[in-house]
Amino acid sequence: MSGESTLREIRLQGLLARLPKPVAEGFTARQREALADIADSLAWRGYPVNVRFHLRLLGRTLFVAATAGAERRGPERVYRERRLHPLATLGNLLFLFVASVAFYGVTGLGVMVLSGIVEF
């Protein structure tokens, strides 16, 4: 079985698992093929920029992710998600502050080392 057909089967099984068992078992082979086509068309496509990593900090592991690409969601979904996940939160502001301090601290140290103010 090729990788693509395996992925297709995994997507179909994921879709069927969300249905009541009698309904999922009642599909004909042709209907299952049509459902597999639908599952393939709805499959998640990656982003051009997809950075994910873990940080161990103070005994805890933090997960950081940054993605970027063309917007594929409709305006209603963008609005709904913006209401559910606002940008201006205390956690986001603290993260931006700490990231800025770290960035400018490393940049400043680099400038001082390169200019000879600080020597190692």
PDB file of N, CA and C in Angstrom:
ATOM      1  N   MET A   1       0.847  -1.177   0.000  1.00  0.00           N
ATOM      2  CA  MET A   1       0.000   0.000   0.000  1.00  0.00           C
ATOM      3  C   MET A   1       0.891   1.238   0.000  1.00  0.00           C
ATOM      4  N   SER A   2       0.634   2.170  -0.887  1.00  0.00           N
ATOM      5  CA  SER A   2       1.475   3.362  -0.987  1.00  0.00           C
ATOM      6  C   SER A   2       1.165   4.330   0.148  1.00  0.00           C
ATOM      7  N   GLY A   3       2.082   5.292   0.351  1.00  0.00           N
ATOM      8  CA  GLY A   3       1.904   6.278   1.410  1.00  0.00           C
ATOM      9  C   GLY A   3       0.651   7.112   1.225  1.00  0.00           C
ATOM     10  N   GLU A   4       0.345   7.472  -0.025  1.00  0.00           N
ATOM     11  CA  GLU A   4      -0.827   8.310  -0.291  1.00  0.00           C
ATOM     12  C   GLU A   4      -2.120   7.553  -0.013  1.00  0.00           C
ATOM     13  N   SER A   5      -2.193   6.281  -0.423  1.00  0.00           N
ATOM     14  CA  SER A   5      -3.421   5.519  -0.164  1.00  0.00           C
ATOM     15  C   SER A   5      -3.581   5.259   1.331  1.00  0.00           C
ATOM     16  N   THR A   6      -2.483   5.098   2.045  1.00  0.00           N
ATOM     17  CA  THR A   6      -2.546   4.926   3.490  1.00  0.00           C
ATOM     18  C   THR A   6      -3.084   6.188   4.143  1.00  0.00           C
ATOM     19  N   LEU A   7      -2.577   7.337   3.724  1.00  0.00           N
ATOM     20  CA  LEU A   7      -3.054   8.608   4.260  1.00  0.00           C
ATOM     21  C   LEU A   7      -4.534   8.788   3.957  1.00  0.00           C
ATOM     22  N   ARG A   8      -4.928   8.414   2.753  1.00  0.00           N
ATOM     23  CA  ARG A   8      -6.333   8.514   2.346  1.00  0.00           C
ATOM     24  C   ARG A   8      -7.203   7.647   3.259  1.00  0.00           C
ATOM     25  N   GLU A   9      -6.737   6.437   3.545  1.00  0.00           N
ATOM     26  CA  GLU A   9      -7.490   5.532   4.411  1.00  0.00           C
ATOM     27  C   GLU A   9      -7.554   6.067   5.842  1.00  0.00           C
ATOM     28  N   ILE A  10      -6.461   6.643   6.318  1.00  0.00           N
ATOM     29  CA  ILE A  10      -6.439   7.214   7.669  1.00  0.00           C
ATOM     30  C   ILE A  10      -7.445   8.352   7.775  1.00  0.00           C
ATOM     31  N   ARG A  11      -7.478   9.217   6.766  1.00  0.00           N
ATOM     32  CA  ARG A  11      -8.438  10.328   6.770  1.00  0.00           C
ATOM     33  C   ARG A  11      -9.871   9.803   6.756  1.00  0.00           C
ATOM     34  N   LEU A  12     -10.124   8.795   5.925  1.00  0.00           N
ATOM     35  CA  LEU A  12     -11.470   8.221   5.852  1.00  0.00           C
ATOM     36  C   LEU A  12     -11.857   7.615   7.195  1.00  0.00           C
ATOM     37  N   GLN A  13     -10.954   6.863   7.812  1.00  0.00           N
ATOM     38  CA  GLN A  13     -11.255   6.249   9.107  1.00  0.00           C
ATOM     39  C   GLN A  13     -11.525   7.316  10.168  1.00  0.00           C
ATOM     40  N   GLY A  14     -10.779   8.426  10.107  1.00  0.00           N
ATOM     41  CA  GLY A  14     -11.021   9.524  11.041  1.00  0.00           C
ATOM     42  C   GLY A  14     -12.408  10.121  10.869  1.00  0.00           C
ATOM     43  N   LEU A  15     -12.833  10.259   9.619  1.00  0.00           N
ATOM     44  CA  LEU A  15     -14.169  10.780   9.332  1.00  0.00           C
ATOM     45  C   LEU A  15     -15.242   9.800   9.805  1.00  0.00           C
ATOM     46  N   LEU A  16     -15.064   8.527   9.500  1.00  0.00           N
ATOM     47  CA  LEU A  16     -16.047   7.512   9.892  1.00  0.00           C
ATOM     48  C   LEU A  16     -16.135   7.360  11.410  1.00  0.00           C
ATOM     49  N   ALA A  17     -15.034   7.574  12.106  1.00  0.00           N
ATOM     50  CA  ALA A  17     -15.023   7.440  13.567  1.00  0.00           C
ATOM     51  C   ALA A  17     -15.906   8.490  14.237  1.00  0.00           C
ATOM     52  N   ARG A  18     -16.172   9.578  13.541  1.00  0.00           N
ATOM     53  CA  ARG A  18     -17.012  10.641  14.108  1.00  0.00           C
ATOM     54  C   ARG A  18     -18.506  10.379  13.916  1.00  0.00           C
ATOM     55  N   LEU A  19     -18.830   9.374  13.142  1.00  0.00           N
ATOM     56  CA  LEU A  19     -20.230   9.050  12.865  1.00  0.00           C
ATOM     57  C   LEU A  19     -20.709   7.942  13.791  1.00  0.00           C
ATOM     58  N   PRO A  20     -22.018   7.873  14.027  1.00  0.00           N
ATOM     59  CA  PRO A  20     -22.537   6.734  14.799  1.00  0.00           C
ATOM     60  C   PRO A  20     -22.175   5.424  14.092  1.00  0.00           C
ATOM     61  N   LYS A  21     -21.849   4.412  14.858  1.00  0.00           N
ATOM     62  CA  LYS A  21     -21.363   3.152  14.292  1.00  0.00           C
ATOM     63  C   LYS A  21     -22.307   2.549  13.243  1.00  0.00           C
ATOM     64  N   PRO A  22     -23.628   2.507  13.487  1.00  0.00           N
ATOM     65  CA  PRO A  22     -24.515   1.934  12.460  1.00  0.00           C
ATOM     66  C   PRO A  22     -24.474   2.715  11.141  1.00  0.00           C
ATOM     67  N   VAL A  23     -24.319   4.020  11.223  1.00  0.00           N
ATOM     68  CA  VAL A  23     -24.247   4.842  10.006  1.00  0.00           C
ATOM     69  C   VAL A  23     -22.943   4.554   9.273  1.00  0.00           C
ATOM     70  N   ALA A  24     -21.829   4.562  10.009  1.00  0.00           N
ATOM     71  CA  ALA A  24     -20.516   4.337   9.395  1.00  0.00           C
ATOM     72  C   ALA A  24     -20.434   2.960   8.737  1.00  0.00           C
ATOM     73  N   GLU A  25     -21.029   1.963   9.355  1.00  0.00           N
ATOM     74  CA  GLU A  25     -20.981   0.606   8.801  1.00  0.00           C
ATOM     75  C   GLU A  25     -21.946   0.414   7.634  1.00  0.00           C
ATOM     76  N   GLY A  26     -22.898   1.331   7.465  1.00  0.00           N
ATOM     77  CA  GLY A  26     -23.908   1.184   6.433  1.00  0.00           C
ATOM     78  C   GLY A  26     -23.527   1.727   5.065  1.00  0.00           C
ATOM     79  N   PHE A  27     -22.357   2.343   4.933  1.00  0.00           N
ATOM     80  CA  PHE A  27     -21.950   2.908   3.645  1.00  0.00           C
ATOM     81  C   PHE A  27     -21.512   1.812   2.679  1.00  0.00           C
ATOM     82  N   THR A  28     -21.892   1.981   1.419  1.00  0.00           N
ATOM     83  CA  THR A  28     -21.421   1.067   0.371  1.00  0.00           C
ATOM     84  C   THR A  28     -19.980   1.435   0.019  1.00  0.00           C
ATOM     85  N   ALA A  29     -19.331   0.579  -0.762  1.00  0.00           N
ATOM     86  CA  ALA A  29     -17.950   0.856  -1.188  1.00  0.00           C
ATOM     87  C   ALA A  29     -17.889   2.159  -1.986  1.00  0.00           C
ATOM     88  N   ARG A  30     -18.888   2.392  -2.816  1.00  0.00           N
ATOM     89  CA  ARG A  30     -18.920   3.623  -3.623  1.00  0.00           C
ATOM     90  C   ARG A  30     -19.090   4.858  -2.730  1.00  0.00           C
ATOM     91  N   GLN A  31     -19.949   4.751  -1.719  1.00  0.00           N
ATOM     92  CA  GLN A  31     -20.141   5.862  -0.785  1.00  0.00           C
ATOM     93  C   GLN A  31     -18.872   6.114   0.030  1.00  0.00           C
ATOM     94  N   ARG A  32     -18.198   5.036   0.433  1.00  0.00           N
ATOM     95  CA  ARG A  32     -16.935   5.193   1.181  1.00  0.00           C
ATOM     96  C   ARG A  32     -15.885   5.892   0.318  1.00  0.00           C
ATOM     97  N   GLU A  33     -15.869   5.562  -0.964  1.00  0.00           N
ATOM     98  CA  GLU A  33     -14.929   6.209  -1.891  1.00  0.00           C
ATOM     99  C   GLU A  33     -15.237   7.704  -2.000  1.00  0.00           C
ATOM    100  N   ALA A  34     -16.526   8.049  -2.070  1.00  0.00           N
ATOM    101  CA  ALA A  34     -16.924   9.460  -2.130  1.00  0.00           C
ATOM    102  C   ALA A  34     -16.549  10.177  -0.836  1.00  0.00           C
ATOM    103  N   LEU A  35     -16.744   9.514   0.299  1.00  0.00           N
ATOM    104  CA  LEU A  35     -16.349  10.106   1.580  1.00  0.00           C
ATOM    105  C   LEU A  35     -14.832  10.296   1.652  1.00  0.00           C
ATOM    106  N   ALA A  36     -14.073   9.346   1.116  1.00  0.00           N
ATOM    107  CA  ALA A  36     -12.611   9.473   1.096  1.00  0.00           C
ATOM    108  C   ALA A  36     -12.203  10.674   0.249  1.00  0.00           C
ATOM    109  N   ASP A  37     -12.910  10.900  -0.876  1.00  0.00           N
ATOM    110  CA  ASP A  37     -12.630  12.082  -1.704  1.00  0.00           C
ATOM    111  C   ASP A  37     -12.877  13.359  -0.919  1.00  0.00           C
ATOM    112  N   ILE A  38     -13.978  13.391  -0.178  1.00  0.00           N
ATOM    113  CA  ILE A  38     -14.305  14.570   0.630  1.00  0.00           C
ATOM    114  C   ILE A  38     -13.246  14.771   1.708  1.00  0.00           C
ATOM    115  N   ALA A  39     -12.873  13.697   2.397  1.00  0.00           N
ATOM    116  CA  ALA A  39     -11.863  13.797   3.457  1.00  0.00           C
ATOM    117  C   ALA A  39     -10.539  14.302   2.895  1.00  0.00           C
ATOM    118  N   ASP A  40     -10.174  13.861   1.687  1.00  0.00           N
ATOM    119  CA  ASP A  40      -8.935  14.338   1.054  1.00  0.00           C
ATOM    120  C   ASP A  40      -9.013  15.820   0.738  1.00  0.00           C
ATOM    121  N   SER A  41     -10.172  16.267   0.257  1.00  0.00           N
ATOM    122  CA  SER A  41     -10.300  17.678  -0.125  1.00  0.00           C
ATOM    123  C   SER A  41     -10.289  18.589   1.093  1.00  0.00           C
ATOM    124  N   LEU A  42     -10.670  18.057   2.260  1.00  0.00           N
ATOM    125  CA  LEU A  42     -10.697  18.857   3.479  1.00  0.00           C
ATOM    126  C   LEU A  42      -9.409  18.736   4.292  1.00  0.00           C
ATOM    127  N   ALA A  43      -8.473  17.933   3.817  1.00  0.00           N
ATOM    128  CA  ALA A  43      -7.239  17.683   4.571  1.00  0.00           C
ATOM    129  C   ALA A  43      -6.474  18.982   4.788  1.00  0.00           C
ATOM    130  N   TRP A  44      -5.880  19.073   5.961  1.00  0.00           N
ATOM    131  CA  TRP A  44      -5.118  20.252   6.335  1.00  0.00           C
ATOM    132  C   TRP A  44      -3.893  20.374   5.450  1.00  0.00           C
ATOM    133  N   ARG A  45      -3.671  21.560   4.933  1.00  0.00           N
ATOM    134  CA  ARG A  45      -2.470  21.839   4.141  1.00  0.00           C
ATOM    135  C   ARG A  45      -1.550  22.713   4.988  1.00  0.00           C
ATOM    136  N   GLY A  46      -0.282  22.454   4.890  1.00  0.00           N
ATOM    137  CA  GLY A  46       0.690  23.164   5.702  1.00  0.00           C
ATOM    138  C   GLY A  46       0.846  24.624   5.321  1.00  0.00           C
ATOM    139  N   TYR A  47       1.571  25.345   6.146  1.00  0.00           N
ATOM    140  CA  TYR A  47       1.875  26.750   5.924  1.00  0.00           C
ATOM    141  C   TYR A  47       3.286  26.881   5.369  1.00  0.00           C
ATOM    142  N   PRO A  48       3.561  27.952   4.608  1.00  0.00           N
ATOM    143  CA  PRO A  48       4.930  28.179   4.131  1.00  0.00           C
ATOM    144  C   PRO A  48       5.912  28.365   5.292  1.00  0.00           C
ATOM    145  N   VAL A  49       5.458  29.008   6.371  1.00  0.00           N
ATOM    146  CA  VAL A  49       6.286  29.192   7.569  1.00  0.00           C
ATOM    147  C   VAL A  49       5.608  28.426   8.698  1.00  0.00           C
ATOM    148  N   ASN A  50       6.328  27.478   9.281  1.00  0.00           N
ATOM    149  CA  ASN A  50       5.773  26.651  10.346  1.00  0.00           C
ATOM    150  C   ASN A  50       6.902  26.316  11.314  1.00  0.00           C
ATOM    151  N   VAL A  51       7.076  27.165  12.329  1.00  0.00           N
ATOM    152  CA  VAL A  51       8.159  27.010  13.300  1.00  0.00           C
ATOM    153  C   VAL A  51       7.549  26.542  14.617  1.00  0.00           C
ATOM    154  N   ARG A  52       8.032  25.418  15.118  1.00  0.00           N
ATOM    155  CA  ARG A  52       7.532  24.868  16.380  1.00  0.00           C
ATOM    156  C   ARG A  52       8.714  24.339  17.189  1.00  0.00           C
ATOM    157  N   PHE A  53       8.736  24.673  18.476  1.00  0.00           N
ATOM    158  CA  PHE A  53       9.796  24.142  19.328  1.00  0.00           C
ATOM    159  C   PHE A  53       9.347  24.153  20.786  1.00  0.00           C
ATOM    160  N   HIS A  54      10.105  23.432  21.617  1.00  0.00           N
ATOM    161  CA  HIS A  54       9.833  23.337  23.046  1.00  0.00           C
ATOM    162  C   HIS A  54      10.943  24.044  23.811  1.00  0.00           C
ATOM    163  N   LEU A  55      10.580  24.716  24.891  1.00  0.00           N
ATOM    164  CA  LEU A  55      11.548  25.368  25.769  1.00  0.00           C
ATOM    165  C   LEU A  55      11.394  24.800  27.176  1.00  0.00           C
ATOM    166  N   ARG A  56      12.506  24.394  27.771  1.00  0.00           N
ATOM    167  CA  ARG A  56      12.474  23.997  29.177  1.00  0.00           C
ATOM    168  C   ARG A  56      12.814  25.233  29.984  1.00  0.00           C
ATOM    169  N   LEU A  57      11.881  25.646  30.817  1.00  0.00           N
ATOM    170  CA  LEU A  57      12.047  26.882  31.575  1.00  0.00           C
ATOM    171  C   LEU A  57      11.502  26.676  32.985  1.00  0.00           C
ATOM    172  N   LEU A  58      12.354  26.834  33.974  1.00  0.00           N
ATOM    173  CA  LEU A  58      11.961  26.704  35.373  1.00  0.00           C
ATOM    174  C   LEU A  58      11.251  25.377  35.660  1.00  0.00           C
ATOM    175  N   GLY A  59      11.780  24.298  35.094  1.00  0.00           N
ATOM    176  CA  GLY A  59      11.231  22.980  35.343  1.00  0.00           C
ATOM    177  C   GLY A  59       9.972  22.645  34.564  1.00  0.00           C
ATOM    178  N   ARG A  60       9.540  23.552  33.713  1.00  0.00           N
ATOM    179  CA  ARG A  60       8.348  23.305  32.894  1.00  0.00           C
ATOM    180  C   ARG A  60       8.743  23.321  31.428  1.00  0.00           C
ATOM    181  N   THR A  61       7.998  22.620  30.613  1.00  0.00           N
ATOM    182  CA  THR A  61       8.233  22.630  29.173  1.00  0.00           C
ATOM    183  C   THR A  61       7.166  23.492  28.518  1.00  0.00           C
ATOM    184  N   LEU A  62       7.619  24.484  27.774  1.00  0.00           N
ATOM    185  CA  LEU A  62       6.705  25.366  27.052  1.00  0.00           C
ATOM    186  C   LEU A  62       6.769  25.044  25.570  1.00  0.00           C
ATOM    187  N   PHE A  63       5.641  25.063  24.922  1.00  0.00           N
ATOM    188  CA  PHE A  63       5.548  24.815  23.491  1.00  0.00           C
ATOM    189  C   PHE A  63       5.321  26.152  22.803  1.00  0.00           C
ATOM    190  N   VAL A  64       6.161  26.469  21.811  1.00  0.00           N
ATOM    191  CA  VAL A  64       6.045  27.724  21.070  1.00  0.00           C
ATOM    192  C   VAL A  64       5.843  27.384  19.597  1.00  0.00           C
ATOM    193  N   ALA A  65       4.870  28.037  18.978  1.00  0.00           N
ATOM    194  CA  ALA A  65       4.596  27.798  17.559  1.00  0.00           C
ATOM    195  C   ALA A  65       4.336  29.128  16.866  1.00  0.00           C
ATOM    196  N   ALA A  66       4.858  29.253  15.667  1.00  0.00           N
ATOM    197  CA  ALA A  66       4.592  30.426  14.833  1.00  0.00           C
ATOM    198  C   ALA A  66       4.331  29.922  13.420  1.00  0.00           C
ATOM    199  N   THR A  67       3.188  30.297  12.873  1.00  0.00           N
ATOM    200  CA  THR A  67       2.852  29.912  11.508  1.00  0.00           C
ATOM    201  C   THR A  67       2.494  31.159  10.724  1.00  0.00           C
ATOM    202  N   ALA A  68       2.745  31.112   9.434  1.00  0.00           N
ATOM    203  CA  ALA A  68       2.395  32.241   8.571  1.00  0.00           C
ATOM    204  C   ALA A  68       2.103  31.718   7.176  1.00  0.00           C
ATOM    205  N   GLY A  69       1.198  32.380   6.509  1.00  0.00           N
ATOM    206  CA  GLY A  69       0.831  32.006   5.149  1.00  0.00           C
ATOM    207  C   GLY A  69      -0.412  32.758   4.730  1.00  0.00           C
ATOM    208  N   ALA A  70      -0.886  32.467   3.548  1.00  0.00           N
ATOM    209  CA  ALA A  70      -2.081  33.126   3.030  1.00  0.00           C
ATOM    210  C   ALA A  70      -3.296  32.735   3.873  1.00  0.00           C
ATOM    211  N   GLU A  71      -4.142  33.691   4.141  1.00  0.00           N
ATOM    212  CA  GLU A  71      -5.364  33.449   4.909  1.00  0.00           C
ATOM    213  C   GLU A  71      -6.342  32.626   4.085  1.00  0.00           C
ATOM    214  N   ARG A  72      -6.789  31.505   4.638  1.00  0.00           N
ATOM    215  CA  ARG A  72      -7.733  30.639   3.925  1.00  0.00           C
ATOM    216  C   ARG A  72      -9.113  30.638   4.574  1.00  0.00           C
ATOM    217  N   ARG A  73      -9.197  31.228   5.765  1.00  0.00           N
ATOM    218  CA  ARG A  73     -10.478  31.242   6.469  1.00  0.00           C
ATOM    219  C   ARG A  73     -11.345  32.383   5.947  1.00  0.00           C
ATOM    220  N   GLY A  74     -12.634  32.187   6.023  1.00  0.00           N
ATOM    221  CA  GLY A  74     -13.573  33.224   5.624  1.00  0.00           C
ATOM    222  C   GLY A  74     -13.664  34.312   6.684  1.00  0.00           C
ATOM    223  N   PRO A  75     -14.228  35.486   6.334  1.00  0.00           N
ATOM    224  CA  PRO A  75     -14.306  36.603   7.282  1.00  0.00           C
ATOM    225  C   PRO A  75     -15.072  36.271   8.563  1.00  0.00           C
ATOM    226  N   GLU A  76     -16.129  35.480   8.458  1.00  0.00           N
ATOM    227  CA  GLU A  76     -16.902  35.132   9.656  1.00  0.00           C
ATOM    228  C   GLU A  76     -16.071  34.300  10.623  1.00  0.00           C
ATOM    229  N   ARG A  77     -15.315  33.360  10.089  1.00  0.00           N
ATOM    230  CA  ARG A  77     -14.486  32.521  10.959  1.00  0.00           C
ATOM    231  C   ARG A  77     -13.355  33.342  11.575  1.00  0.00           C
ATOM    232  N   VAL A  78     -12.752  34.229  10.799  1.00  0.00           N
ATOM    233  CA  VAL A  78     -11.690  35.089  11.336  1.00  0.00           C
ATOM    234  C   VAL A  78     -12.239  35.915  12.495  1.00  0.00           C
ATOM    235  N   TYR A  79     -13.420  36.493  12.317  1.00  0.00           N
ATOM    236  CA  TYR A  79     -14.042  37.311  13.361  1.00  0.00           C
ATOM    237  C   TYR A  79     -14.329  36.468  14.602  1.00  0.00           C
ATOM    238  N   ARG A  80     -14.909  35.283  14.394  1.00  0.00           N
ATOM    239  CA  ARG A  80     -15.254  34.406  15.515  1.00  0.00           C
ATOM    240  C   ARG A  80     -14.000  33.998  16.296  1.00  0.00           C
ATOM    241  N   GLU A  81     -12.950  33.628  15.580  1.00  0.00           N
ATOM    242  CA  GLU A  81     -11.726  33.207  16.262  1.00  0.00           C
ATOM    243  C   GLU A  81     -11.021  34.376  16.943  1.00  0.00           C
ATOM    244  N   ARG A  82     -11.129  35.564  16.377  1.00  0.00           N
ATOM    245  CA  ARG A  82     -10.528  36.738  17.011  1.00  0.00           C
ATOM    246  C   ARG A  82     -11.239  37.034  18.328  1.00  0.00           C
ATOM    247  N   ARG A  83     -12.558  36.804  18.367  1.00  0.00           N
ATOM    248  CA  ARG A  83     -13.311  37.013  19.606  1.00  0.00           C
ATOM    249  C   ARG A  83     -12.961  35.933  20.638  1.00  0.00           C
ATOM    250  N   LEU A  84     -12.754  34.709  20.179  1.00  0.00           N
ATOM    251  CA  LEU A  84     -12.420  33.617  21.094  1.00  0.00           C
ATOM    252  C   LEU A  84     -10.978  33.687  21.584  1.00  0.00           C
ATOM    253  N   HIS A  85     -10.072  34.194  20.746  1.00  0.00           N
ATOM    254  CA  HIS A  85      -8.643  34.245  21.068  1.00  0.00           C
ATOM    255  C   HIS A  85      -8.111  35.655  20.817  1.00  0.00           C
ATOM    256  N   PRO A  86      -8.419  36.606  21.704  1.00  0.00           N
ATOM    257  CA  PRO A  86      -7.960  37.988  21.481  1.00  0.00           C
ATOM    258  C   PRO A  86      -6.439  38.097  21.562  1.00  0.00           C
ATOM    259  N   LEU A  87      -5.900  39.032  20.814  1.00  0.00           N
ATOM    260  CA  LEU A  87      -4.456  39.241  20.781  1.00  0.00           C
ATOM    261  C   LEU A  87      -3.967  39.964  22.032  1.00  0.00           C
ATOM    262  N   ALA A  88      -4.741  40.944  22.497  1.00  0.00           N
ATOM    263  CA  ALA A  88      -4.329  41.769  23.636  1.00  0.00           C
ATOM    264  C   ALA A  88      -4.699  41.089  24.953  1.00  0.00           C
ATOM    265  N   THR A  89      -3.877  40.118  25.360  1.00  0.00           N
ATOM    266  CA  THR A  89      -4.060  39.463  26.657  1.00  0.00           C
ATOM    267  C   THR A  89      -2.792  39.667  27.473  1.00  0.00           C
ATOM    268  N   LEU A  90      -2.899  39.500  28.768  1.00  0.00           N
ATOM    269  CA  LEU A  90      -1.741  39.678  29.641  1.00  0.00           C
ATOM    270  C   LEU A  90      -0.615  38.714  29.261  1.00  0.00           C
ATOM    271  N   GLY A  91      -0.954  37.478  28.981  1.00  0.00           N
ATOM    272  CA  GLY A  91       0.061  36.491  28.595  1.00  0.00           C
ATOM    273  C   GLY A  91       0.796  36.887  27.326  1.00  0.00           C
ATOM    274  N   ASN A  92       0.052  37.345  26.312  1.00  0.00           N
ATOM    275  CA  ASN A  92       0.682  37.768  25.056  1.00  0.00           C
ATOM    276  C   ASN A  92       1.568  38.985  25.267  1.00  0.00           C
ATOM    277  N   LEU A  93       1.097  39.949  26.067  1.00  0.00           N
ATOM    278  CA  LEU A  93       1.898  41.149  26.323  1.00  0.00           C
ATOM    279  C   LEU A  93       3.179  40.801  27.078  1.00  0.00           C
ATOM    280  N   LEU A  94       3.078  39.922  28.070  1.00  0.00           N
ATOM    281  CA  LEU A  94       4.281  39.499  28.799  1.00  0.00           C
ATOM    282  C   LEU A  94       5.250  38.763  27.880  1.00  0.00           C
ATOM    283  N   PHE A  95       4.728  37.905  27.023  1.00  0.00           N
ATOM    284  CA  PHE A  95       5.584  37.194  26.076  1.00  0.00           C
ATOM    285  C   PHE A  95       6.311  38.174  25.165  1.00  0.00           C
ATOM    286  N   LEU A  96       5.598  39.134  24.598  1.00  0.00           N
ATOM    287  CA  LEU A  96       6.232  40.120  23.714  1.00  0.00           C
ATOM    288  C   LEU A  96       7.281  40.938  24.462  1.00  0.00           C
ATOM    289  N   PHE A  97       6.999  41.298  25.715  1.00  0.00           N
ATOM    290  CA  PHE A  97       7.963  42.062  26.502  1.00  0.00           C
ATOM    291  C   PHE A  97       9.235  41.247  26.744  1.00  0.00           C
ATOM    292  N   VAL A  98       9.084  40.014  27.191  1.00  0.00           N
ATOM    293  CA  VAL A  98      10.251  39.163  27.470  1.00  0.00           C
ATOM    294  C   VAL A  98      11.027  38.880  26.186  1.00  0.00           C
ATOM    295  N   ALA A  99      10.327  38.604  25.095  1.00  0.00           N
ATOM    296  CA  ALA A  99      11.002  38.348  23.817  1.00  0.00           C
ATOM    297  C   ALA A  99      11.753  39.587  23.347  1.00  0.00           C
ATOM    298  N   SER A 100      11.170  40.766  23.522  1.00  0.00           N
ATOM    299  CA  SER A 100      11.837  42.012  23.120  1.00  0.00           C
ATOM    300  C   SER A 100      13.077  42.269  23.963  1.00  0.00           C
ATOM    301  N   VAL A 101      12.960  42.090  25.268  1.00  0.00           N
ATOM    302  CA  VAL A 101      14.114  42.288  26.156  1.00  0.00           C
ATOM    303  C   VAL A 101      15.227  41.313  25.787  1.00  0.00           C
ATOM    304  N   ALA A 102      14.888  40.062  25.539  1.00  0.00           N
ATOM    305  CA  ALA A 102      15.901  39.070  25.163  1.00  0.00           C
ATOM    306  C   ALA A 102      16.547  39.437  23.832  1.00  0.00           C
ATOM    307  N   PHE A 103      15.749  39.817  22.850  1.00  0.00           N
ATOM    308  CA  PHE A 103      16.281  40.173  21.530  1.00  0.00           C
ATOM    309  C   PHE A 103      17.215  41.380  21.618  1.00  0.00           C
ATOM    310  N   TYR A 104      16.756  42.444  22.268  1.00  0.00           N
ATOM    311  CA  TYR A 104      17.591  43.642  22.353  1.00  0.00           C
ATOM    312  C   TYR A 104      18.794  43.430  23.264  1.00  0.00           C
ATOM    313  N   GLY A 105      18.662  42.576  24.276  1.00  0.00           N
ATOM    314  CA  GLY A 105      19.804  42.262  25.127  1.00  0.00           C
ATOM    315  C   GLY A 105      20.894  41.538  24.356  1.00  0.00           C
ATOM    316  N   VAL A 106      20.520  40.528  23.587  1.00  0.00           N
ATOM    317  CA  VAL A 106      21.489  39.786  22.776  1.00  0.00           C
ATOM    318  C   VAL A 106      22.084  40.694  21.707  1.00  0.00           C
ATOM    319  N   THR A 107      21.247  41.518  21.079  1.00  0.00           N
ATOM    320  CA  THR A 107      21.737  42.446  20.056  1.00  0.00           C
ATOM    321  C   THR A 107      22.719  43.443  20.659  1.00  0.00           C
ATOM    322  N   GLY A 108      22.369  44.008  21.808  1.00  0.00           N
ATOM    323  CA  GLY A 108      23.257  44.968  22.471  1.00  0.00           C
ATOM    324  C   GLY A 108      24.576  44.337  22.868  1.00  0.00           C
ATOM    325  N   LEU A 109      24.532  43.123  23.402  1.00  0.00           N
ATOM    326  CA  LEU A 109      25.755  42.419  23.774  1.00  0.00           C
ATOM    327  C   LEU A 109      26.610  42.160  22.541  1.00  0.00           C
ATOM    328  N   GLY A 110      25.970  41.760  21.446  1.00  0.00           N
ATOM    329  CA  GLY A 110      26.710  41.535  20.197  1.00  0.00           C
ATOM    330  C   GLY A 110      27.389  42.797  19.699  1.00  0.00           C
ATOM    331  N   VAL A 111      26.699  43.925  19.762  1.00  0.00           N
ATOM    332  CA  VAL A 111      27.284  45.203  19.331  1.00  0.00           C
ATOM    333  C   VAL A 111      28.468  45.558  20.218  1.00  0.00           C
ATOM    334  N   MET A 112      28.331  45.359  21.536  1.00  0.00           N
ATOM    335  CA  MET A 112      29.433  45.687  22.449  1.00  0.00           C
ATOM    336  C   MET A 112      30.642  44.784  22.213  1.00  0.00           C
ATOM    337  N   VAL A 113      30.415  43.512  21.940  1.00  0.00           N
ATOM    338  CA  VAL A 113      31.523  42.594  21.670  1.00  0.00           C
ATOM    339  C   VAL A 113      32.206  42.978  20.367  1.00  0.00           C
ATOM    340  N   LEU A 114      31.429  43.247  19.325  1.00  0.00           N
ATOM    341  CA  LEU A 114      32.006  43.590  18.026  1.00  0.00           C
ATOM    342  C   LEU A 114      32.728  44.937  18.039  1.00  0.00           C
ATOM    343  N   SER A 115      32.275  45.861  18.881  1.00  0.00           N
ATOM    344  CA  SER A 115      32.932  47.172  18.929  1.00  0.00           C
ATOM    345  C   SER A 115      34.102  47.197  19.909  1.00  0.00           C
ATOM    346  N   GLY A 116      34.312  46.134  20.650  1.00  0.00           N
ATOM    347  CA  GLY A 116      35.452  46.059  21.553  1.00  0.00           C
ATOM    348  C   GLY A 116      35.174  46.603  22.936  1.00  0.00           C
ATOM    349  N   ILE A 117      33.956  47.008  23.232  1.00  0.00           N
ATOM    350  CA  ILE A 117      33.621  47.521  24.561  1.00  0.00           C
ATOM    351  C   ILE A 117      33.699  46.397  25.586  1.00  0.00           C
ATOM    352  N   VAL A 118      33.247  45.219  25.197  1.00  0.00           N
ATOM    353  CA  VAL A 118      33.286  44.049  26.067  1.00  0.00           C
ATOM    354  C   VAL A 118      34.166  43.008  25.389  1.00  0.00           C
ATOM    355  N   GLU A 119      35.084  42.422  26.158  1.00  0.00           N
ATOM    356  CA  GLU A 119      35.961  41.390  25.611  1.00  0.00           C
ATOM    357  C   GLU A 119      35.792  40.110  26.411  1.00  0.00           C
ATOM    358  N   PHE A 120      35.869  38.991  25.717  1.00  0.00           N
ATOM    359  CA  PHE A 120      35.787  37.687  26.382  1.00  0.00           C
ATOM    360  C   PHE A 120      37.133  37.030  26.358  1.00  0.00           C
TER     361      PHE A 120
END
